[in-house]
C-alpha atoms as a PDB file:
ATOM      1  CA  MET A   1    -116.458 -82.116 -83.229  1.00  0.00           C
ATOM      2  CA  ALA A   2    -116.012 -78.587 -81.850  1.00  0.00           C
ATOM      3  CA  VAL A   3    -115.416 -75.803 -84.357  1.00  0.00           C
ATOM      4  CA  SER A   4    -111.889 -74.390 -84.085  1.00  0.00           C
ATOM      5  CA  VAL A   5    -110.342 -71.005 -84.845  1.00  0.00           C
ATOM      6  CA  LYS A   6    -108.735 -72.605 -87.881  1.00  0.00           C
ATOM      7  CA  ASP A   7    -112.173 -73.666 -89.166  1.00  0.00           C
ATOM      8  CA  VAL A   8    -113.417 -70.085 -88.804  1.00  0.00           C
ATOM      9  CA  ALA A   9    -110.328 -68.675 -90.536  1.00  0.00           C
ATOM     10  CA  GLN A  10    -110.674 -71.078 -93.457  1.00  0.00           C
ATOM     11  CA  ALA A  11    -114.394 -70.404 -93.937  1.00  0.00           C
ATOM     12  CA  ALA A  12    -113.872 -66.623 -93.753  1.00  0.00           C
ATOM     13  CA  ALA A  13    -110.785 -66.745 -96.033  1.00  0.00           C
ATOM     14  CA  VAL A  14    -108.604 -64.962 -93.465  1.00  0.00           C
ATOM     15  CA  SER A  15    -105.658 -65.918 -91.286  1.00  0.00           C
ATOM     16  CA  VAL A  16    -105.895 -67.385 -87.792  1.00  0.00           C
ATOM     17  CA  GLY A  17    -104.263 -64.179 -86.540  1.00  0.00           C
ATOM     18  CA  THR A  18    -107.034 -62.103 -88.083  1.00  0.00           C
ATOM     19  CA  VAL A  19    -109.697 -64.206 -86.356  1.00  0.00           C
ATOM     20  CA  SER A  20    -107.821 -63.709 -83.075  1.00  0.00           C
ATOM     21  CA  ASN A  21    -107.747 -59.947 -83.624  1.00  0.00           C
ATOM     22  CA  VAL A  22    -111.471 -59.896 -84.404  1.00  0.00           C
ATOM     23  CA  LEU A  23    -112.129 -61.645 -81.092  1.00  0.00           C
ATOM     24  CA  ASN A  24    -109.685 -59.675 -78.957  1.00  0.00           C
ATOM     25  CA  ARG A  25    -108.674 -56.456 -80.781  1.00  0.00           C
ATOM     26  CA  PRO A  26    -111.373 -55.723 -83.363  1.00  0.00           C
ATOM     27  CA  GLU A  27    -110.221 -52.117 -83.735  1.00  0.00           C
ATOM     28  CA  LYS A  28    -107.164 -53.439 -85.632  1.00  0.00           C
ATOM     29  CA  VAL A  29    -109.261 -55.137 -88.322  1.00  0.00           C
ATOM     30  CA  ALA A  30    -111.212 -53.615 -91.204  1.00  0.00           C
ATOM     31  CA  PRO A  31    -114.960 -53.340 -90.383  1.00  0.00           C
ATOM     32  CA  ASP A  32    -116.049 -55.469 -93.358  1.00  0.00           C
ATOM     33  CA  THR A  33    -113.624 -58.226 -92.305  1.00  0.00           C
ATOM     34  CA  VAL A  34    -114.930 -58.075 -88.720  1.00  0.00           C
ATOM     35  CA  ALA A  35    -118.480 -58.441 -90.005  1.00  0.00           C
ATOM     36  CA  ARG A  36    -117.511 -61.376 -92.260  1.00  0.00           C
ATOM     37  CA  VAL A  37    -115.705 -63.233 -89.474  1.00  0.00           C
ATOM     38  CA  HIS A  38    -118.628 -62.767 -87.050  1.00  0.00           C
ATOM     39  CA  GLU A  39    -121.041 -64.060 -89.683  1.00  0.00           C
ATOM     40  CA  VAL A  40    -118.923 -67.213 -90.043  1.00  0.00           C
ATOM     41  CA  ILE A  41    -118.670 -67.594 -86.247  1.00  0.00           C
ATOM     42  CA  LYS A  42    -122.450 -67.455 -85.987  1.00  0.00           C
ATOM     43  CA  ARG A  43    -123.010 -69.820 -88.914  1.00  0.00           C
ATOM     44  CA  LEU A  44    -120.517 -72.443 -87.702  1.00  0.00           C
ATOM     45  CA  GLY A  45    -121.479 -72.133 -84.017  1.00  0.00           C
ATOM     46  CA  PHE A  46    -117.930 -71.360 -82.893  1.00  0.00           C
ATOM     47  CA  VAL A  47    -117.414 -70.879 -79.114  1.00  0.00           C
ATOM     48  CA  ARG A  48    -114.132 -69.351 -78.010  1.00  0.00           C
ATOM     49  CA  ASN A  49    -112.023 -71.199 -75.417  1.00  0.00           C
ATOM     50  CA  ASP A  50    -111.690 -68.566 -72.708  1.00  0.00           C
ATOM     51  CA  ALA A  51    -110.291 -71.087 -70.225  1.00  0.00           C
ATOM     52  CA  ALA A  52    -107.071 -71.547 -72.193  1.00  0.00           C
ATOM     53  CA  ARG A  53    -106.671 -67.810 -72.738  1.00  0.00           C
ATOM     54  CA  GLN A  54    -107.203 -67.074 -69.056  1.00  0.00           C
ATOM     55  CA  LEU A  55    -104.745 -69.784 -68.064  1.00  0.00           C
ATOM     56  CA  ARG A  56    -102.082 -68.149 -70.241  1.00  0.00           C
ATOM     57  CA  ALA A  57    -102.883 -64.788 -68.668  1.00  0.00           C
ATOM     58  CA  GLY A  58    -102.573 -66.280 -65.175  1.00  0.00           C
ATOM     59  CA  ARG A  59    -106.032 -65.159 -64.050  1.00  0.00           C
ATOM     60  CA  SER A  60    -109.705 -65.672 -64.868  1.00  0.00           C
ATOM     61  CA  ARG A  61    -112.744 -63.448 -65.130  1.00  0.00           C
ATOM     62  CA  SER A  62    -114.307 -64.945 -62.024  1.00  0.00           C
ATOM     63  CA  ILE A  63    -114.320 -64.687 -58.247  1.00  0.00           C
ATOM     64  CA  GLY A  64    -115.190 -67.321 -55.657  1.00  0.00           C
ATOM     65  CA  LEU A  65    -117.878 -67.111 -52.981  1.00  0.00           C
ATOM     66  CA  ILE A  66    -117.887 -69.632 -50.116  1.00  0.00           C
ATOM     67  CA  VAL A  67    -120.870 -69.523 -47.745  1.00  0.00           C
ATOM     68  CA  LEU A  68    -121.868 -71.573 -44.708  1.00  0.00           C
ATOM     69  CA  ASP A  69    -125.139 -72.833 -46.183  1.00  0.00           C
ATOM     70  CA  SER A  70    -126.229 -72.074 -49.745  1.00  0.00           C
ATOM     71  CA  ALA A  71    -129.738 -73.396 -48.944  1.00  0.00           C
ATOM     72  CA  ASN A  72    -130.253 -70.549 -46.470  1.00  0.00           C
ATOM     73  CA  PRO A  73    -132.186 -67.729 -48.212  1.00  0.00           C
ATOM     74  CA  PHE A  74    -129.983 -65.157 -46.489  1.00  0.00           C
ATOM     75  CA  PHE A  75    -126.889 -66.471 -48.259  1.00  0.00           C
ATOM     76  CA  ALA A  76    -128.838 -66.760 -51.521  1.00  0.00           C
ATOM     77  CA  GLU A  77    -129.489 -63.012 -51.303  1.00  0.00           C
ATOM     78  CA  VAL A  78    -125.822 -62.344 -50.447  1.00  0.00           C
ATOM     79  CA  ALA A  79    -124.865 -64.302 -53.579  1.00  0.00           C
ATOM     80  CA  ARG A  80    -127.339 -62.345 -55.686  1.00  0.00           C
ATOM     81  CA  GLY A  81    -125.892 -59.043 -54.510  1.00  0.00           C
ATOM     82  CA  ALA A  82    -122.370 -60.286 -55.238  1.00  0.00           C
ATOM     83  CA  GLU A  83    -123.362 -61.490 -58.718  1.00  0.00           C
ATOM     84  CA  GLU A  84    -125.013 -58.195 -59.625  1.00  0.00           C
ATOM     85  CA  ARG A  85    -121.966 -56.152 -58.604  1.00  0.00           C
ATOM     86  CA  ALA A  86    -119.498 -58.566 -60.206  1.00  0.00           C
ATOM     87  CA  ALA A  87    -121.426 -58.611 -63.487  1.00  0.00           C
ATOM     88  CA  GLY A  88    -120.928 -54.871 -63.728  1.00  0.00           C
ATOM     89  CA  GLU A  89    -117.185 -55.558 -63.884  1.00  0.00           C
ATOM     90  CA  GLY A  90    -117.471 -58.418 -66.372  1.00  0.00           C
ATOM     91  CA  LEU A  91    -116.840 -61.006 -63.641  1.00  0.00           C
ATOM     92  CA  SER A  92    -118.722 -64.196 -62.828  1.00  0.00           C
ATOM     93  CA  VAL A  93    -119.187 -65.668 -59.341  1.00  0.00           C
ATOM     94  CA  LEU A  94    -118.394 -69.315 -58.558  1.00  0.00           C
ATOM     95  CA  LEU A  95    -120.340 -70.516 -55.506  1.00  0.00           C
ATOM     96  CA  GLY A  96    -119.132 -73.017 -52.919  1.00  0.00           C
ATOM     97  CA  ASN A  97    -121.053 -74.309 -49.890  1.00  0.00           C
ATOM     98  CA  SER A  98    -118.839 -75.173 -46.912  1.00  0.00           C
ATOM     99  CA  ASP A  99    -121.789 -76.613 -44.964  1.00  0.00           C
ATOM    100  CA  GLN A 100    -120.074 -75.208 -41.841  1.00  0.00           C
ATOM    101  CA  ASN A 101    -117.275 -77.744 -42.423  1.00  0.00           C
ATOM    102  CA  PRO A 102    -113.655 -76.428 -42.300  1.00  0.00           C
ATOM    103  CA  THR A 103    -112.431 -79.290 -44.519  1.00  0.00           C
ATOM    104  CA  ARG A 104    -114.937 -78.410 -47.241  1.00  0.00           C
ATOM    105  CA  GLU A 105    -114.011 -74.752 -46.890  1.00  0.00           C
ATOM    106  CA  SER A 106    -110.327 -75.570 -47.374  1.00  0.00           C
ATOM    107  CA  GLY A 107    -111.164 -77.745 -50.382  1.00  0.00           C
ATOM    108  CA  TYR A 108    -113.028 -74.904 -52.075  1.00  0.00           C
ATOM    109  CA  LEU A 109    -110.146 -72.503 -51.418  1.00  0.00           C
ATOM    110  CA  ASP A 110    -107.798 -74.983 -53.120  1.00  0.00           C
ATOM    111  CA  LEU A 111    -110.210 -75.400 -56.032  1.00  0.00           C
ATOM    112  CA  PHE A 112    -110.608 -71.679 -56.558  1.00  0.00           C
ATOM    113  CA  ARG A 113    -106.845 -71.186 -56.504  1.00  0.00           C
ATOM    114  CA  GLU A 114    -106.541 -73.869 -59.197  1.00  0.00           C
ATOM    115  CA  GLN A 115    -109.229 -72.089 -61.227  1.00  0.00           C
ATOM    116  CA  ARG A 116    -107.145 -68.885 -61.104  1.00  0.00           C
ATOM    117  CA  VAL A 117    -110.008 -66.824 -59.679  1.00  0.00           C
ATOM    118  CA  ASN A 118    -109.210 -63.187 -58.975  1.00  0.00           C
ATOM    119  CA  GLY A 119    -110.131 -63.539 -55.311  1.00  0.00           C
ATOM    120  CA  VAL A 120    -112.553 -65.134 -52.867  1.00  0.00           C
ATOM    121  CA  LEU A 121    -115.421 -63.850 -50.738  1.00  0.00           C
ATOM    122  CA  LEU A 122    -115.596 -66.084 -47.685  1.00  0.00           C
ATOM    123  CA  THR A 123    -118.003 -66.614 -44.808  1.00  0.00           C
ATOM    124  CA  PRO A 124    -115.490 -68.369 -42.551  1.00  0.00           C
ATOM    125  CA  THR A 125    -116.242 -71.438 -40.480  1.00  0.00           C
ATOM    126  CA  ASP A 126    -113.568 -70.413 -37.959  1.00  0.00           C
ATOM    127  CA  LEU A 127    -112.309 -66.854 -37.593  1.00  0.00           C
ATOM    128  CA  ALA A 128    -109.314 -68.139 -35.616  1.00  0.00           C
ATOM    129  CA  ASP A 129    -108.096 -70.337 -38.489  1.00  0.00           C
ATOM    130  CA  PRO A 130    -104.605 -69.110 -39.551  1.00  0.00           C
ATOM    131  CA  VAL A 131    -105.327 -70.166 -43.158  1.00  0.00           C
ATOM    132  CA  LEU A 132    -107.353 -66.967 -43.491  1.00  0.00           C
ATOM    133  CA  LEU A 133    -104.141 -64.938 -43.359  1.00  0.00           C
ATOM    134  CA  HIS A 134    -102.130 -67.338 -45.517  1.00  0.00           C
ATOM    135  CA  ALA A 135    -104.617 -68.470 -48.138  1.00  0.00           C
ATOM    136  CA  GLY A 136    -102.393 -67.439 -51.043  1.00  0.00           C
ATOM    137  CA  ILE A 137    -105.289 -65.592 -52.695  1.00  0.00           C
ATOM    138  CA  PRO A 138    -107.015 -62.241 -52.075  1.00  0.00           C
ATOM    139  CA  LEU A 139    -109.764 -62.754 -49.474  1.00  0.00           C
ATOM    140  CA  VAL A 140    -112.658 -60.640 -48.265  1.00  0.00           C
ATOM    141  CA  LEU A 141    -114.611 -61.895 -45.261  1.00  0.00           C
ATOM    142  CA  VAL A 142    -118.400 -61.878 -45.536  1.00  0.00           C
ATOM    143  CA  ASP A 143    -120.594 -61.828 -42.425  1.00  0.00           C
ATOM    144  CA  GLY A 144    -117.521 -62.028 -40.214  1.00  0.00           C
ATOM    145  CA  GLU A 145    -114.401 -60.052 -39.321  1.00  0.00           C
ATOM    146  CA  LEU A 146    -110.998 -60.670 -37.751  1.00  0.00           C
ATOM    147  CA  VAL A 147    -110.323 -58.952 -34.445  1.00  0.00           C
ATOM    148  CA  GLY A 148    -107.106 -57.424 -35.751  1.00  0.00           C
ATOM    149  CA  GLY A 149    -108.671 -56.273 -39.009  1.00  0.00           C
ATOM    150  CA  GLU A 150    -105.959 -57.918 -41.145  1.00  0.00           C
ATOM    151  CA  LEU A 151    -108.467 -58.638 -43.928  1.00  0.00           C
ATOM    152  CA  SER A 152    -111.162 -56.507 -45.494  1.00  0.00           C
ATOM    153  CA  SER A 153    -114.582 -57.559 -44.293  1.00  0.00           C
ATOM    154  CA  VAL A 154    -118.277 -56.753 -44.434  1.00  0.00           C
ATOM    155  CA  ALA A 155    -120.613 -57.759 -41.643  1.00  0.00           C
ATOM    156  CA  VAL A 156    -123.611 -56.792 -39.535  1.00  0.00           C
ATOM    157  CA  ASP A 157    -123.400 -55.933 -35.841  1.00  0.00           C
ATOM    158  CA  ASP A 158    -124.990 -59.140 -34.563  1.00  0.00           C
ATOM    159  CA  ILE A 159    -124.593 -58.173 -30.911  1.00  0.00           C
ATOM    160  CA  GLU A 160    -126.720 -55.111 -31.593  1.00  0.00           C
ATOM    161  CA  GLY A 161    -129.155 -57.319 -33.523  1.00  0.00           C
ATOM    162  CA  GLY A 162    -129.575 -59.671 -30.579  1.00  0.00           C
ATOM    163  CA  HIS A 163    -130.040 -56.710 -28.264  1.00  0.00           C
ATOM    164  CA  LEU A 164    -132.719 -55.254 -30.564  1.00  0.00           C
ATOM    165  CA  ALA A 165    -134.637 -58.537 -30.688  1.00  0.00           C
ATOM    166  CA  VAL A 166    -134.775 -59.160 -26.939  1.00  0.00           C
ATOM    167  CA  SER A 167    -135.310 -55.505 -26.063  1.00  0.00           C
ATOM    168  CA  HIS A 168    -138.422 -55.665 -28.244  1.00  0.00           C
ATOM    169  CA  LEU A 169    -139.652 -58.795 -26.444  1.00  0.00           C
ATOM    170  CA  LEU A 170    -139.070 -57.140 -23.088  1.00  0.00           C
ATOM    171  CA  ALA A 171    -140.852 -53.989 -24.244  1.00  0.00           C
ATOM    172  CA  ILE A 172    -144.022 -55.975 -25.000  1.00  0.00           C
ATOM    173  CA  GLY A 173    -143.963 -57.433 -21.502  1.00  0.00           C
ATOM    174  CA  ARG A 174    -142.308 -60.834 -22.017  1.00  0.00           C
ATOM    175  CA  ARG A 175    -140.096 -62.042 -19.194  1.00  0.00           C
ATOM    176  CA  ARG A 176    -139.459 -65.783 -19.745  1.00  0.00           C
ATOM    177  CA  ILE A 177    -137.428 -65.712 -22.928  1.00  0.00           C
ATOM    178  CA  ALA A 178    -135.804 -68.631 -24.742  1.00  0.00           C
ATOM    179  CA  PHE A 179    -132.975 -68.330 -27.250  1.00  0.00           C
ATOM    180  CA  VAL A 180    -133.027 -71.016 -29.967  1.00  0.00           C
ATOM    181  CA  GLY A 181    -129.843 -71.294 -32.017  1.00  0.00           C
ATOM    182  CA  GLY A 182    -126.711 -73.215 -32.688  1.00  0.00           C
ATOM    183  CA  PRO A 183    -124.144 -74.464 -32.899  1.00  0.00           C
ATOM    184  CA  LEU A 184    -122.943 -71.802 -30.491  1.00  0.00           C
ATOM    185  CA  ALA A 185    -119.458 -72.138 -31.988  1.00  0.00           C
ATOM    186  CA  ILE A 186    -120.720 -70.154 -34.986  1.00  0.00           C
ATOM    187  CA  ARG A 187    -119.664 -66.564 -34.377  1.00  0.00           C
ATOM    188  CA  GLN A 188    -122.917 -65.036 -35.612  1.00  0.00           C
ATOM    189  CA  VAL A 189    -124.982 -67.239 -33.278  1.00  0.00           C
ATOM    190  CA  ALA A 190    -122.757 -66.474 -30.301  1.00  0.00           C
ATOM    191  CA  ASP A 191    -122.909 -62.719 -30.963  1.00  0.00           C
ATOM    192  CA  ARG A 192    -126.711 -62.744 -31.242  1.00  0.00           C
ATOM    193  CA  LEU A 193    -126.902 -64.587 -27.933  1.00  0.00           C
ATOM    194  CA  GLU A 194    -124.502 -62.093 -26.364  1.00  0.00           C
ATOM    195  CA  GLY A 195    -126.739 -59.244 -27.495  1.00  0.00           C
ATOM    196  CA  ALA A 196    -129.738 -61.016 -25.982  1.00  0.00           C
ATOM    197  CA  ARG A 197    -127.946 -61.378 -22.650  1.00  0.00           C
ATOM    198  CA  ARG A 198    -127.011 -57.709 -22.602  1.00  0.00           C
ATOM    199  CA  ALA A 199    -130.657 -56.738 -23.103  1.00  0.00           C
ATOM    200  CA  LEU A 200    -131.729 -59.071 -20.264  1.00  0.00           C
ATOM    201  CA  ALA A 201    -129.151 -57.574 -17.908  1.00  0.00           C
ATOM    202  CA  ALA A 202    -131.210 -54.396 -17.655  1.00  0.00           C
ATOM    203  CA  VAL A 203    -134.368 -56.240 -16.503  1.00  0.00           C
ATOM    204  CA  PRO A 204    -133.766 -58.129 -13.210  1.00  0.00           C
ATOM    205  CA  ASP A 205    -136.993 -60.147 -13.251  1.00  0.00           C
ATOM    206  CA  ALA A 206    -136.442 -61.502 -16.792  1.00  0.00           C
ATOM    207  CA  THR A 207    -134.833 -64.877 -17.537  1.00  0.00           C
ATOM    208  CA  LEU A 208    -133.101 -66.313 -20.589  1.00  0.00           C
ATOM    209  CA  GLU A 209    -133.096 -70.025 -21.424  1.00  0.00           C
ATOM    210  CA  VAL A 210    -130.686 -71.218 -24.109  1.00  0.00           C
ATOM    211  CA  ILE A 211    -131.978 -74.055 -26.309  1.00  0.00           C
ATOM    212  CA  GLU A 212    -128.969 -75.016 -28.409  1.00  0.00           C
ATOM    213  CA  GLN A 213    -129.690 -76.799 -31.674  1.00  0.00           C
ATOM    214  CA  GLY A 214    -127.247 -78.537 -33.977  1.00  0.00           C
ATOM    215  CA  ALA A 215    -128.239 -76.641 -37.107  1.00  0.00           C
ATOM    216  CA  LEU A 216    -129.832 -73.396 -38.273  1.00  0.00           C
ATOM    217  CA  THR A 217    -132.660 -75.100 -40.168  1.00  0.00           C
ATOM    218  CA  VAL A 218    -136.442 -75.331 -40.172  1.00  0.00           C
ATOM    219  CA  LEU A 219    -136.258 -78.927 -38.924  1.00  0.00           C
ATOM    220  CA  ALA A 220    -134.083 -77.912 -35.969  1.00  0.00           C
ATOM    221  CA  GLY A 221    -136.529 -75.140 -35.136  1.00  0.00           C
ATOM    222  CA  ARG A 222    -139.515 -77.490 -35.398  1.00  0.00           C
ATOM    223  CA  ASP A 223    -137.847 -79.851 -32.922  1.00  0.00           C
ATOM    224  CA  ALA A 224    -137.356 -76.987 -30.457  1.00  0.00           C
ATOM    225  CA  GLY A 225    -140.929 -75.781 -30.990  1.00  0.00           C
ATOM    226  CA  GLU A 226    -142.406 -79.226 -30.339  1.00  0.00           C
ATOM    227  CA  ARG A 227    -140.446 -79.588 -27.121  1.00  0.00           C
ATOM    228  CA  ILE A 228    -141.605 -76.166 -25.940  1.00  0.00           C
ATOM    229  CA  ALA A 229    -145.231 -76.972 -26.827  1.00  0.00           C
ATOM    230  CA  HIS A 230    -145.177 -80.221 -24.824  1.00  0.00           C
ATOM    231  CA  ARG A 231    -144.172 -78.487 -21.601  1.00  0.00           C
ATOM    232  CA  PRO A 232    -146.774 -77.563 -18.991  1.00  0.00           C
ATOM    233  CA  ALA A 233    -148.037 -74.031 -19.586  1.00  0.00           C
ATOM    234  CA  ASP A 234    -146.338 -72.640 -16.477  1.00  0.00           C
ATOM    235  CA  GLU A 235    -142.956 -74.055 -17.568  1.00  0.00           C
ATOM    236  CA  ARG A 236    -142.965 -72.680 -21.091  1.00  0.00           C
ATOM    237  CA  PRO A 237    -141.189 -69.503 -22.132  1.00  0.00           C
ATOM    238  CA  ASP A 238    -143.481 -66.655 -23.115  1.00  0.00           C
ATOM    239  CA  ALA A 239    -141.174 -65.538 -25.941  1.00  0.00           C
ATOM    240  CA  VAL A 240    -138.571 -67.083 -28.250  1.00  0.00           C
ATOM    241  CA  PHE A 241    -135.710 -65.332 -30.008  1.00  0.00           C
ATOM    242  CA  CYS A 242    -134.363 -67.494 -32.833  1.00  0.00           C
ATOM    243  CA  ALA A 243    -130.868 -67.092 -34.264  1.00  0.00           C
ATOM    244  CA  ASN A 244    -132.287 -67.035 -37.796  1.00  0.00           C
ATOM    245  CA  ASP A 245    -135.627 -67.014 -39.584  1.00  0.00           C
ATOM    246  CA  LEU A 246    -135.454 -70.666 -40.627  1.00  0.00           C
ATOM    247  CA  LEU A 247    -135.383 -71.655 -36.973  1.00  0.00           C
ATOM    248  CA  ALA A 248    -138.237 -69.233 -36.256  1.00  0.00           C
ATOM    249  CA  VAL A 249    -140.375 -70.780 -39.020  1.00  0.00           C
ATOM    250  CA  GLY A 250    -139.686 -74.200 -37.494  1.00  0.00           C
ATOM    251  CA  VAL A 251    -140.562 -73.064 -33.965  1.00  0.00           C
ATOM    252  CA  LEU A 252    -143.834 -71.660 -35.296  1.00  0.00           C
ATOM    253  CA  GLN A 253    -144.607 -74.996 -36.979  1.00  0.00           C
ATOM    254  CA  GLY A 254    -143.609 -77.020 -33.914  1.00  0.00           C
ATOM    255  CA  THR A 255    -145.735 -75.047 -31.479  1.00  0.00           C
ATOM    256  CA  ALA A 256    -148.730 -75.281 -33.827  1.00  0.00           C
ATOM    257  CA  ILE A 257    -148.789 -79.098 -33.742  1.00  0.00           C
ATOM    258  CA  LEU A 258    -150.649 -79.377 -30.434  1.00  0.00           C
ATOM    259  CA  GLY A 259    -152.852 -76.415 -31.187  1.00  0.00           C
ATOM    260  CA  GLU A 260    -152.599 -75.291 -27.554  1.00  0.00           C
ATOM    261  CA  VAL A 261    -149.952 -72.582 -27.918  1.00  0.00           C
ATOM    262  CA  ARG A 262    -151.170 -69.327 -29.448  1.00  0.00           C
ATOM    263  CA  VAL A 263    -148.717 -67.035 -31.247  1.00  0.00           C
ATOM    264  CA  PRO A 264    -148.248 -64.353 -30.084  1.00  0.00           C
ATOM    265  CA  GLY A 265    -150.769 -64.654 -27.210  1.00  0.00           C
ATOM    266  CA  ASP A 266    -148.953 -67.434 -25.362  1.00  0.00           C
ATOM    267  CA  LEU A 267    -145.631 -67.274 -27.184  1.00  0.00           C
ATOM    268  CA  ALA A 268    -144.086 -64.341 -29.032  1.00  0.00           C
ATOM    269  CA  ILE A 269    -141.545 -65.356 -31.704  1.00  0.00           C
ATOM    270  CA  ILE A 270    -138.876 -63.249 -33.389  1.00  0.00           C
ATOM    271  CA  GLY A 271    -136.302 -64.421 -35.930  1.00  0.00           C
ATOM    272  CA  TYR A 272    -133.216 -62.982 -37.607  1.00  0.00           C
ATOM    273  CA  ASP A 273    -132.329 -62.106 -41.265  1.00  0.00           C
ATOM    274  CA  ASP A 274    -135.829 -61.077 -42.461  1.00  0.00           C
ATOM    275  CA  ILE A 275    -135.902 -63.517 -45.385  1.00  0.00           C
ATOM    276  CA  ASP A 276    -138.940 -63.501 -47.687  1.00  0.00           C
ATOM    277  CA  PHE A 277    -140.457 -66.486 -45.855  1.00  0.00           C
ATOM    278  CA  ALA A 278    -140.652 -64.467 -42.629  1.00  0.00           C
ATOM    279  CA  GLU A 279    -143.467 -62.300 -43.963  1.00  0.00           C
ATOM    280  CA  ALA A 280    -145.193 -65.179 -45.763  1.00  0.00           C
ATOM    281  CA  THR A 281    -145.837 -67.532 -42.814  1.00  0.00           C
ATOM    282  CA  VAL A 282    -149.356 -68.122 -41.435  1.00  0.00           C
ATOM    283  CA  VAL A 283    -148.437 -65.785 -38.577  1.00  0.00           C
ATOM    284  CA  PRO A 284    -146.019 -63.281 -40.181  1.00  0.00           C
ATOM    285  CA  LEU A 285    -142.775 -63.310 -38.233  1.00  0.00           C
ATOM    286  CA  SER A 286    -141.063 -60.373 -36.619  1.00  0.00           C
ATOM    287  CA  SER A 287    -137.380 -60.393 -37.475  1.00  0.00           C
ATOM    288  CA  ILE A 288    -134.078 -58.558 -37.382  1.00  0.00           C
ATOM    289  CA  ARG A 289    -133.328 -57.430 -40.912  1.00  0.00           C
ATOM    290  CA  GLN A 290    -129.890 -57.748 -42.465  1.00  0.00           C
ATOM    291  CA  PRO A 291    -129.243 -56.048 -45.845  1.00  0.00           C
ATOM    292  CA  ALA A 292    -128.120 -59.317 -47.445  1.00  0.00           C
ATOM    293  CA  ARG A 293    -127.903 -58.084 -51.028  1.00  0.00           C
ATOM    294  CA  ASP A 294    -125.948 -54.990 -49.963  1.00  0.00           C
ATOM    295  CA  ILE A 295    -123.568 -57.217 -48.016  1.00  0.00           C
ATOM    296  CA  GLY A 296    -122.787 -59.268 -51.141  1.00  0.00           C
ATOM    297  CA  ALA A 297    -122.348 -56.210 -53.349  1.00  0.00           C
ATOM    298  CA  THR A 298    -120.124 -54.476 -50.789  1.00  0.00           C
ATOM    299  CA  ALA A 299    -117.944 -57.584 -50.457  1.00  0.00           C
ATOM    300  CA  VAL A 300    -117.278 -57.506 -54.214  1.00  0.00           C
ATOM    301  CA  GLU A 301    -116.490 -53.792 -53.982  1.00  0.00           C
ATOM    302  CA  LEU A 302    -113.927 -54.457 -51.230  1.00  0.00           C
ATOM    303  CA  LEU A 303    -112.344 -57.223 -53.315  1.00  0.00           C
ATOM    304  CA  LEU A 304    -112.093 -54.919 -56.347  1.00  0.00           C
ATOM    305  CA  GLU A 305    -110.354 -52.340 -54.143  1.00  0.00           C
ATOM    306  CA  ARG A 306    -107.932 -55.016 -52.953  1.00  0.00           C
ATOM    307  CA  LEU A 307    -107.172 -56.098 -56.521  1.00  0.00           C
ATOM    308  CA  ALA A 308    -106.651 -52.505 -57.684  1.00  0.00           C
ATOM    309  CA  ASP A 309    -104.227 -51.761 -54.826  1.00  0.00           C
ATOM    310  CA  PRO A 310    -102.873 -54.860 -53.026  1.00  0.00           C
ATOM    311  CA  ASP A 311    -100.905 -52.672 -50.603  1.00  0.00           C
ATOM    312  CA  ALA A 312    -103.885 -50.623 -49.422  1.00  0.00           C
ATOM    313  CA  ALA A 313    -104.963 -50.998 -45.813  1.00  0.00           C
ATOM    314  CA  PRO A 314    -107.840 -53.481 -45.265  1.00  0.00           C
ATOM    315  CA  ARG A 315    -111.275 -51.908 -44.895  1.00  0.00           C
ATOM    316  CA  ARG A 316    -114.024 -53.078 -42.549  1.00  0.00           C
ATOM    317  CA  VAL A 317    -117.655 -52.279 -43.344  1.00  0.00           C
ATOM    318  CA  ARG A 318    -120.286 -52.962 -40.692  1.00  0.00           C
ATOM    319  CA  PHE A 319    -124.004 -52.569 -41.351  1.00  0.00           C
ATOM    320  CA  ARG A 320    -126.535 -51.924 -38.595  1.00  0.00           C
ATOM    321  CA  PRO A 321    -129.450 -54.355 -38.201  1.00  0.00           C
ATOM    322  CA  GLU A 322    -133.082 -53.222 -38.218  1.00  0.00           C
ATOM    323  CA  LEU A 323    -136.056 -54.406 -36.159  1.00  0.00           C
ATOM    324  CA  VAL A 324    -139.056 -55.443 -38.270  1.00  0.00           C
ATOM    325  CA  ILE A 325    -142.234 -55.975 -36.227  1.00  0.00           C
ATOM    326  CA  ARG A 326    -144.983 -58.276 -37.498  1.00  0.00           C
ATOM    327  CA  ALA A 327    -147.852 -60.306 -36.051  1.00  0.00           C
ATOM    328  CA  SER A 328    -145.715 -62.917 -34.251  1.00  0.00           C
ATOM    329  CA  THR A 329    -144.896 -60.326 -31.577  1.00  0.00           C
ATOM    330  CA  ALA A 330    -147.421 -57.575 -32.206  1.00  0.00           C
ATOM    331  CA  GLY A 331    -150.749 -59.265 -31.492  1.00  0.00           C
END
C-alpha cells in the first residue's frame, strides 16, 4: 500500500498540515522539524501526489509536443532541445506522435487538454486546419507557420533550403536532377520542391523529375533508389535531391544493390536535415542542415512568452538552412 501524508505525519509526530508545509512552504517550518520530516519521508519511501495538487491548481508542470514522426532523428533532436529548455523552467515535456494523421493529432490535443498541460508545441499535419486557431490551449507551431501569423511559430526557410541543395548540384555540373520526397501535401516537402524548381529556373538546360513517395523513410528512399538503379544509364538522373536524410540514406542503399551506380560519379545525392546518420553512411551524405535542437528550445521560449503575456502579439522565428557538403556530391 502506498505511504500517505498521514503516515508521514504520524511517524514524524507532527500534523498533516506541517508535512504539507515542509513539502510546499518549508520556510514556514522550523529547520529541525523539516529535517525530521524529510528523514521520515526517505525512510518510508513516501512519494507526493503531484497530479492531485496540479488538478486543484488547474494546471500542470508539463507541456505537450506533437510531431509528425517521432522515429525521425530530426524530430528526436527537436524534442531534446525542447526538453532541455523546459527543464530549466521546471517543466516536463509529454511527447505525442501524430504519424502525419490529423485524427491522431486531434486526439493528442484532447489528451493534453485533459492533462492540464500549460501549452502545446505542434508540428501541424495541416496548416489550413481551423482547429489550430481554436484549440482551447496555448499553441506554438514547430517547423511550420500560418500565413497570417496568428500563432507564434518557429521554422526553417525550406524554400531557401531546396534552392541551396539544387544550386549546389547545378554548380557541380549536374543537369538531370530528380527530387525524391512525399507526400507532397506536407508543407515542408512542398516548400523544398519549390526551392528546387526556383534553382532550376536559372539553368535552361537542366531538368527536374519528381519521384513522389508515400513516406519520408529509409524504406521509401530505398524503393526510389532501386527503381533509379534499374533504369538504363542514359535514362537515369545524374543527381538526386531528397526531401530528408532518411530518404537519402535509402536512395544510397537502393542504388548500391546492383553495384553499377557509383556515388557520386554516376549519381550525386544530397539530403535534408543533416541528422547524425548522414555523416555516418558508407558514402557520407551531403545535406541541408537544420538547427533541430535550437528549433525545439526556441519553441519552448515562445510558449513561455505566450504564457507570461497571453495578450502579446505572436512572434515568428525563422532559421536559415545551411549547406553541408560531403562525399556524396563532392567526389
